């Protein structure tokens, strides 16, 4: 089976002392990705009180 050009470049890079990206693949290195939670539409559309609204009406 023949080697691809990308694999040849990778192996040459590693041979010359470069970092092998295959060792870092699949690792988050201690980083924990956080999922952003968007506000529920019902919380904005039907608030229980004024503090639950996403906006504040003018006092005037």
PDB file of N, CA and C in Angstrom:
ATOM      1  N   UNK A   1       0.846  -1.174   0.000  1.00  0.00           N
ATOM      2  CA  UNK A   1       0.000   0.000   0.000  1.00  0.00           C
ATOM      3  C   UNK A   1       0.894   1.241   0.000  1.00  0.00           C
ATOM      4  N   UNK A   2       0.539   2.202  -0.814  1.00  0.00           N
ATOM      5  CA  UNK A   2       1.349   3.417  -0.950  1.00  0.00           C
ATOM      6  C   UNK A   2       1.042   4.407   0.169  1.00  0.00           C
ATOM      7  N   UNK A   3       2.025   5.250   0.475  1.00  0.00           N
ATOM      8  CA  UNK A   3       1.836   6.296   1.478  1.00  0.00           C
ATOM      9  C   UNK A   3       1.335   7.554   0.792  1.00  0.00           C
ATOM     10  N   UNK A   4       0.466   8.267   1.480  1.00  0.00           N
ATOM     11  CA  UNK A   4      -0.033   9.526   0.942  1.00  0.00           C
ATOM     12  C   UNK A   4       1.014  10.615   1.122  1.00  0.00           C
ATOM     13  N   UNK A   5       0.845  11.691   0.391  1.00  0.00           N
ATOM     14  CA  UNK A   5       1.771  12.816   0.506  1.00  0.00           C
ATOM     15  C   UNK A   5       1.728  13.439   1.889  1.00  0.00           C
ATOM     16  N   UNK A   6       0.537  13.500   2.483  1.00  0.00           N
ATOM     17  CA  UNK A   6       0.402  14.073   3.820  1.00  0.00           C
ATOM     18  C   UNK A   6       1.133  13.213   4.852  1.00  0.00           C
ATOM     19  N   UNK A   7       1.032  11.897   4.699  1.00  0.00           N
ATOM     20  CA  UNK A   7       1.709  11.013   5.650  1.00  0.00           C
ATOM     21  C   UNK A   7       3.225  11.115   5.497  1.00  0.00           C
ATOM     22  N   UNK A   8       3.700  11.261   4.281  1.00  0.00           N
ATOM     23  CA  UNK A   8       5.142  11.430   4.053  1.00  0.00           C
ATOM     24  C   UNK A   8       5.643  12.716   4.695  1.00  0.00           C
ATOM     25  N   UNK A   9       4.886  13.797   4.551  1.00  0.00           N
ATOM     26  CA  UNK A   9       5.268  15.073   5.175  1.00  0.00           C
ATOM     27  C   UNK A   9       5.270  14.964   6.686  1.00  0.00           C
ATOM     28  N   UNK A  10       4.270  14.262   7.227  1.00  0.00           N
ATOM     29  CA  UNK A  10       4.181  14.073   8.670  1.00  0.00           C
ATOM     30  C   UNK A  10       5.383  13.298   9.198  1.00  0.00           C
ATOM     31  N   UNK A  11       5.710  12.194   8.545  1.00  0.00           N
ATOM     32  CA  UNK A  11       6.825  11.373   9.002  1.00  0.00           C
ATOM     33  C   UNK A  11       8.151  12.117   8.874  1.00  0.00           C
ATOM     34  N   UNK A  12       8.305  12.917   7.831  1.00  0.00           N
ATOM     35  CA  UNK A  12       9.528  13.714   7.687  1.00  0.00           C
ATOM     36  C   UNK A  12       9.618  14.753   8.797  1.00  0.00           C
ATOM     37  N   UNK A  13       8.495  15.382   9.116  1.00  0.00           N
ATOM     38  CA  UNK A  13       8.445  16.382  10.179  1.00  0.00           C
ATOM     39  C   UNK A  13       8.835  15.761  11.522  1.00  0.00           C
ATOM     40  N   UNK A  14       8.319  14.566  11.804  1.00  0.00           N
ATOM     41  CA  UNK A  14       8.633  13.883  13.061  1.00  0.00           C
ATOM     42  C   UNK A  14      10.101  13.453  13.073  1.00  0.00           C
ATOM     43  N   UNK A  15      10.610  12.986  11.930  1.00  0.00           N
ATOM     44  CA  UNK A  15      12.011  12.571  11.837  1.00  0.00           C
ATOM     45  C   UNK A  15      12.962  13.727  12.117  1.00  0.00           C
ATOM     46  N   UNK A  16      12.537  14.937  11.743  1.00  0.00           N
ATOM     47  CA  UNK A  16      13.383  16.112  11.935  1.00  0.00           C
ATOM     48  C   UNK A  16      13.212  16.729  13.326  1.00  0.00           C
ATOM     49  N   UNK A  17      12.492  16.048  14.198  1.00  0.00           N
ATOM     50  CA  UNK A  17      12.370  16.511  15.574  1.00  0.00           C
ATOM     51  C   UNK A  17      11.105  17.276  15.873  1.00  0.00           C
ATOM     52  N   UNK A  18      10.165  17.290  14.967  1.00  0.00           N
ATOM     53  CA  UNK A  18       8.909  18.002  15.202  1.00  0.00           C
ATOM     54  C   UNK A  18       7.965  17.200  16.077  1.00  0.00           C
ATOM     55  N   UNK A  19       6.917  17.836  16.519  1.00  0.00           N
ATOM     56  CA  UNK A  19       5.921  17.206  17.378  1.00  0.00           C
ATOM     57  C   UNK A  19       4.984  16.346  16.533  1.00  0.00           C
ATOM     58  N   UNK A  20       4.709  15.143  17.019  1.00  0.00           N
ATOM     59  CA  UNK A  20       3.798  14.242  16.326  1.00  0.00           C
ATOM     60  C   UNK A  20       2.372  14.566  16.769  1.00  0.00           C
ATOM     61  N   UNK A  21       1.524  15.051  15.879  1.00  0.00           N
ATOM     62  CA  UNK A  21       0.162  15.419  16.295  1.00  0.00           C
ATOM     63  C   UNK A  21      -0.698  14.220  16.675  1.00  0.00           C
ATOM     64  N   UNK A  22      -0.278  13.017  16.310  1.00  0.00           N
ATOM     65  CA  UNK A  22      -1.061  11.835  16.665  1.00  0.00           C
ATOM     66  C   UNK A  22      -1.046  11.577  18.165  1.00  0.00           C
ATOM     67  N   UNK A  23      -0.015  12.070  18.861  1.00  0.00           N
ATOM     68  CA  UNK A  23       0.036  11.871  20.316  1.00  0.00           C
ATOM     69  C   UNK A  23      -0.974  12.755  21.038  1.00  0.00           C
ATOM     70  N   UNK A  24      -1.318  13.892  20.447  1.00  0.00           N
ATOM     71  CA  UNK A  24      -2.263  14.822  21.078  1.00  0.00           C
ATOM     72  C   UNK A  24      -3.700  14.604  20.633  1.00  0.00           C
ATOM     73  N   UNK A  25      -3.915  13.744  19.668  1.00  0.00           N
ATOM     74  CA  UNK A  25      -5.250  13.563  19.112  1.00  0.00           C
ATOM     75  C   UNK A  25      -6.180  12.925  20.133  1.00  0.00           C
ATOM     76  N   UNK A  26      -7.364  13.506  20.286  1.00  0.00           N
ATOM     77  CA  UNK A  26      -8.356  12.965  21.205  1.00  0.00           C
ATOM     78  C   UNK A  26      -8.185  13.421  22.642  1.00  0.00           C
ATOM     79  N   UNK A  27      -7.219  14.272  22.919  1.00  0.00           N
ATOM     80  CA  UNK A  27      -6.989  14.729  24.278  1.00  0.00           C
ATOM     81  C   UNK A  27      -7.366  16.198  24.386  1.00  0.00           C
ATOM     82  N   UNK A  28      -8.065  16.528  25.461  1.00  0.00           N
ATOM     83  CA  UNK A  28      -8.450  17.930  25.692  1.00  0.00           C
ATOM     84  C   UNK A  28      -7.419  18.642  26.542  1.00  0.00           C
ATOM     85  N   UNK A  29      -6.387  17.937  26.999  1.00  0.00           N
ATOM     86  CA  UNK A  29      -5.312  18.504  27.809  1.00  0.00           C
ATOM     87  C   UNK A  29      -5.834  19.226  29.053  1.00  0.00           C
ATOM     88  N   UNK A  30      -6.790  18.626  29.734  1.00  0.00           N
ATOM     89  CA  UNK A  30      -7.313  19.199  30.964  1.00  0.00           C
ATOM     90  C   UNK A  30      -8.429  20.213  30.772  1.00  0.00           C
ATOM     91  N   UNK A  31      -8.757  20.559  29.540  1.00  0.00           N
ATOM     92  CA  UNK A  31      -9.814  21.530  29.277  1.00  0.00           C
ATOM     93  C   UNK A  31     -11.155  20.803  29.286  1.00  0.00           C
ATOM     94  N   UNK A  32     -12.120  21.370  29.993  1.00  0.00           N
ATOM     95  CA  UNK A  32     -13.462  20.791  30.016  1.00  0.00           C
ATOM     96  C   UNK A  32     -14.384  21.711  29.225  1.00  0.00           C
ATOM     97  N   UNK A  33     -14.859  21.253  28.074  1.00  0.00           N
ATOM     98  CA  UNK A  33     -15.729  22.113  27.277  1.00  0.00           C
ATOM     99  C   UNK A  33     -17.065  22.349  27.981  1.00  0.00           C
ATOM    100  N   UNK A  34     -17.488  23.583  28.002  1.00  0.00           N
ATOM    101  CA  UNK A  34     -18.753  23.942  28.650  1.00  0.00           C
ATOM    102  C   UNK A  34     -19.823  24.138  27.587  1.00  0.00           C
ATOM    103  N   UNK A  35     -20.988  23.655  27.867  1.00  0.00           N
ATOM    104  CA  UNK A  35     -22.112  23.821  26.954  1.00  0.00           C
ATOM    105  C   UNK A  35     -22.903  25.041  27.384  1.00  0.00           C
ATOM    106  N   UNK A  36     -23.100  25.938  26.465  1.00  0.00           N
ATOM    107  CA  UNK A  36     -23.870  27.137  26.778  1.00  0.00           C
ATOM    108  C   UNK A  36     -25.348  26.796  26.762  1.00  0.00           C
ATOM    109  N   UNK A  37     -26.033  27.180  27.810  1.00  0.00           N
ATOM    110  CA  UNK A  37     -27.457  26.917  27.921  1.00  0.00           C
ATOM    111  C   UNK A  37     -28.200  28.207  27.634  1.00  0.00           C
ATOM    112  N   UNK A  38     -29.000  28.184  26.606  1.00  0.00           N
ATOM    113  CA  UNK A  38     -29.782  29.368  26.252  1.00  0.00           C
ATOM    114  C   UNK A  38     -31.031  29.426  27.118  1.00  0.00           C
ATOM    115  N   UNK A  39     -31.538  30.619  27.390  1.00  0.00           N
ATOM    116  CA  UNK A  39     -32.744  30.715  28.207  1.00  0.00           C
ATOM    117  C   UNK A  39     -33.950  30.122  27.482  1.00  0.00           C
ATOM    118  N   UNK A  40     -34.813  29.536  28.245  1.00  0.00           N
ATOM    119  CA  UNK A  40     -36.003  28.921  27.698  1.00  0.00           C
ATOM    120  C   UNK A  40     -36.964  30.005  27.201  1.00  0.00           C
ATOM    121  N   UNK A  41     -37.590  29.753  26.088  1.00  0.00           N
ATOM    122  CA  UNK A  41     -38.505  30.743  25.522  1.00  0.00           C
ATOM    123  C   UNK A  41     -39.697  30.993  26.448  1.00  0.00           C
ATOM    124  N   UNK A  42     -40.139  29.946  27.125  1.00  0.00           N
ATOM    125  CA  UNK A  42     -41.285  30.119  28.017  1.00  0.00           C
ATOM    126  C   UNK A  42     -40.950  31.019  29.198  1.00  0.00           C
ATOM    127  N   UNK A  43     -39.679  30.991  29.644  1.00  0.00           N
ATOM    128  CA  UNK A  43     -39.277  31.848  30.753  1.00  0.00           C
ATOM    129  C   UNK A  43     -39.370  33.318  30.359  1.00  0.00           C
ATOM    130  N   UNK A  44     -39.079  33.626  29.094  1.00  0.00           N
ATOM    131  CA  UNK A  44     -39.138  35.011  28.628  1.00  0.00           C
ATOM    132  C   UNK A  44     -40.572  35.399  28.258  1.00  0.00           C
ATOM    133  N   UNK A  45     -41.305  34.475  27.626  1.00  0.00           N
ATOM    134  CA  UNK A  45     -42.645  34.805  27.146  1.00  0.00           C
ATOM    135  C   UNK A  45     -43.668  34.886  28.284  1.00  0.00           C
ATOM    136  N   UNK A  46     -43.543  34.009  29.267  1.00  0.00           N
ATOM    137  CA  UNK A  46     -44.505  33.975  30.360  1.00  0.00           C
ATOM    138  C   UNK A  46     -43.768  34.047  31.700  1.00  0.00           C
ATOM    139  N   UNK A  47     -43.269  35.220  32.064  1.00  0.00           N
ATOM    140  CA  UNK A  47     -42.511  35.313  33.313  1.00  0.00           C
ATOM    141  C   UNK A  47     -43.420  35.203  34.538  1.00  0.00           C
ATOM    142  N   UNK A  48     -42.877  34.674  35.615  1.00  0.00           N
ATOM    143  CA  UNK A  48     -43.613  34.585  36.873  1.00  0.00           C
ATOM    144  C   UNK A  48     -43.701  35.955  37.532  1.00  0.00           C
ATOM    145  N   UNK A  49     -42.611  36.707  37.418  1.00  0.00           N
ATOM    146  CA  UNK A  49     -42.611  38.067  37.941  1.00  0.00           C
ATOM    147  C   UNK A  49     -41.705  38.919  37.045  1.00  0.00           C
ATOM    148  N   UNK A  50     -41.573  40.174  37.377  1.00  0.00           N
ATOM    149  CA  UNK A  50     -40.818  41.085  36.512  1.00  0.00           C
ATOM    150  C   UNK A  50     -39.324  40.770  36.467  1.00  0.00           C
ATOM    151  N   UNK A  51     -38.805  40.125  37.509  1.00  0.00           N
ATOM    152  CA  UNK A  51     -37.372  39.826  37.536  1.00  0.00           C
ATOM    153  C   UNK A  51     -36.987  38.716  36.563  1.00  0.00           C
ATOM    154  N   UNK A  52     -37.950  37.909  36.118  1.00  0.00           N
ATOM    155  CA  UNK A  52     -37.653  36.798  35.220  1.00  0.00           C
ATOM    156  C   UNK A  52     -37.601  37.217  33.755  1.00  0.00           C
ATOM    157  N   UNK A  53     -37.931  38.459  33.470  1.00  0.00           N
ATOM    158  CA  UNK A  53     -37.944  38.898  32.072  1.00  0.00           C
ATOM    159  C   UNK A  53     -36.523  39.110  31.556  1.00  0.00           C
ATOM    160  N   UNK A  54     -36.345  38.928  30.248  1.00  0.00           N
ATOM    161  CA  UNK A  54     -35.045  39.150  29.632  1.00  0.00           C
ATOM    162  C   UNK A  54     -34.761  40.607  29.405  1.00  0.00           C
ATOM    163  N   UNK A  55     -35.771  41.462  29.520  1.00  0.00           N
ATOM    164  CA  UNK A  55     -35.604  42.906  29.331  1.00  0.00           C
ATOM    165  C   UNK A  55     -36.395  43.616  30.411  1.00  0.00           C
ATOM    166  N   UNK A  56     -36.065  44.851  30.646  1.00  0.00           N
ATOM    167  CA  UNK A  56     -36.764  45.655  31.642  1.00  0.00           C
ATOM    168  C   UNK A  56     -37.539  46.770  30.913  1.00  0.00           C
ATOM    169  N   UNK A  57     -38.828  46.918  31.174  1.00  0.00           N
ATOM    170  CA  UNK A  57     -39.589  48.003  30.535  1.00  0.00           C
ATOM    171  C   UNK A  57     -39.172  49.349  31.117  1.00  0.00           C
ATOM    172  N   UNK A  58     -39.408  50.387  30.343  1.00  0.00           N
ATOM    173  CA  UNK A  58     -39.054  51.737  30.789  1.00  0.00           C
ATOM    174  C   UNK A  58     -39.898  52.121  31.997  1.00  0.00           C
ATOM    175  N   UNK A  59     -39.278  52.873  32.895  1.00  0.00           N
ATOM    176  CA  UNK A  59     -39.964  53.309  34.105  1.00  0.00           C
ATOM    177  C   UNK A  59     -40.884  54.499  33.823  1.00  0.00           C
ATOM    178  N   UNK A  60     -40.718  55.144  32.686  1.00  0.00           N
ATOM    179  CA  UNK A  60     -41.504  56.346  32.378  1.00  0.00           C
ATOM    180  C   UNK A  60     -42.904  56.055  31.974  1.00  0.00           C
TER     181      UNK A  60
END
